[in-house]
Protein backbone atom coordinates (compact mmCIF):
# COMPACT_ATOMS: atom_id res chain seq x y z
CA UNK A 1 -102.87 -5.59 17.43
CA UNK A 2 -101.80 -8.91 15.90
CA UNK A 3 -102.57 -12.39 17.11
CA UNK A 4 -100.02 -14.87 18.44
CA UNK A 5 -99.94 -18.64 18.75
CA UNK A 6 -99.24 -20.02 22.22
CA UNK A 7 -97.58 -23.26 23.31
CA UNK A 8 -101.02 -24.92 23.32
CA UNK A 9 -100.68 -25.25 19.52
CA UNK A 10 -100.79 -28.86 18.32
CA UNK A 11 -99.65 -27.88 14.80
CA UNK A 12 -102.85 -29.12 13.12
CA UNK A 13 -102.75 -26.42 10.43
CA UNK A 14 -106.42 -25.44 10.67
CA UNK A 15 -105.52 -21.79 11.19
CA UNK A 16 -103.10 -21.58 8.28
CA UNK A 17 -105.65 -22.69 5.71
CA UNK A 18 -108.24 -20.19 7.02
CA UNK A 19 -106.03 -17.07 7.15
CA UNK A 20 -107.21 -14.69 4.39
CA UNK A 21 -103.79 -13.02 4.06
CA UNK A 22 -101.55 -16.10 4.48
CA UNK A 23 -99.92 -14.66 7.60
CA UNK A 24 -99.53 -18.09 9.22
CA UNK A 25 -96.79 -20.58 8.40
CA UNK A 26 -95.05 -23.54 9.95
CA UNK A 27 -91.82 -22.76 11.78
CA UNK A 28 -89.77 -25.19 13.86
CA UNK A 29 -92.58 -27.74 14.14
CA UNK A 30 -95.29 -25.24 15.12
CA UNK A 31 -97.36 -22.56 13.47
CA UNK A 32 -96.33 -18.89 13.66
CA UNK A 33 -98.12 -15.67 12.73
CA UNK A 34 -96.33 -12.90 10.84
CA UNK A 35 -97.42 -9.88 12.90
CA UNK A 36 -96.66 -7.52 10.01
CA UNK A 37 -99.00 -9.38 7.67
CA UNK A 38 -101.77 -10.10 10.20
CA UNK A 39 -104.89 -7.95 9.63
CA UNK A 40 -106.39 -8.74 13.06
CA UNK A 41 -109.50 -10.41 11.63
CA UNK A 42 -109.56 -13.17 14.28
CA UNK A 43 -110.40 -15.94 11.84
CA UNK A 44 -107.44 -17.99 13.05
CA UNK A 45 -108.48 -17.73 16.69
CA UNK A 46 -112.05 -18.78 15.97
CA UNK A 47 -110.81 -21.73 13.89
CA UNK A 48 -108.26 -23.09 16.38
CA UNK A 49 -109.52 -26.30 18.03
CA UNK A 50 -107.21 -25.88 21.05
CA UNK A 51 -107.76 -22.13 21.60
CA UNK A 52 -104.01 -21.64 21.17
CA UNK A 53 -104.35 -18.32 19.32
CA UNK A 54 -104.77 -15.12 21.34
CA UNK A 55 -104.62 -11.41 20.58
CA UNK A 56 -101.42 -9.68 21.69
């Protein structure tokens, strides 16, 4: 089960730099998670200052 980034994202980039498999990138002014690359570690969710990342 991959994680997803909700509309609460403020595009700070904290999650992208912490992802161990580089599954997060910027897309259309916000961050997005590549579900196929995500290893479900939860590091992004625990790093997000706005709690914008949730498990699907």
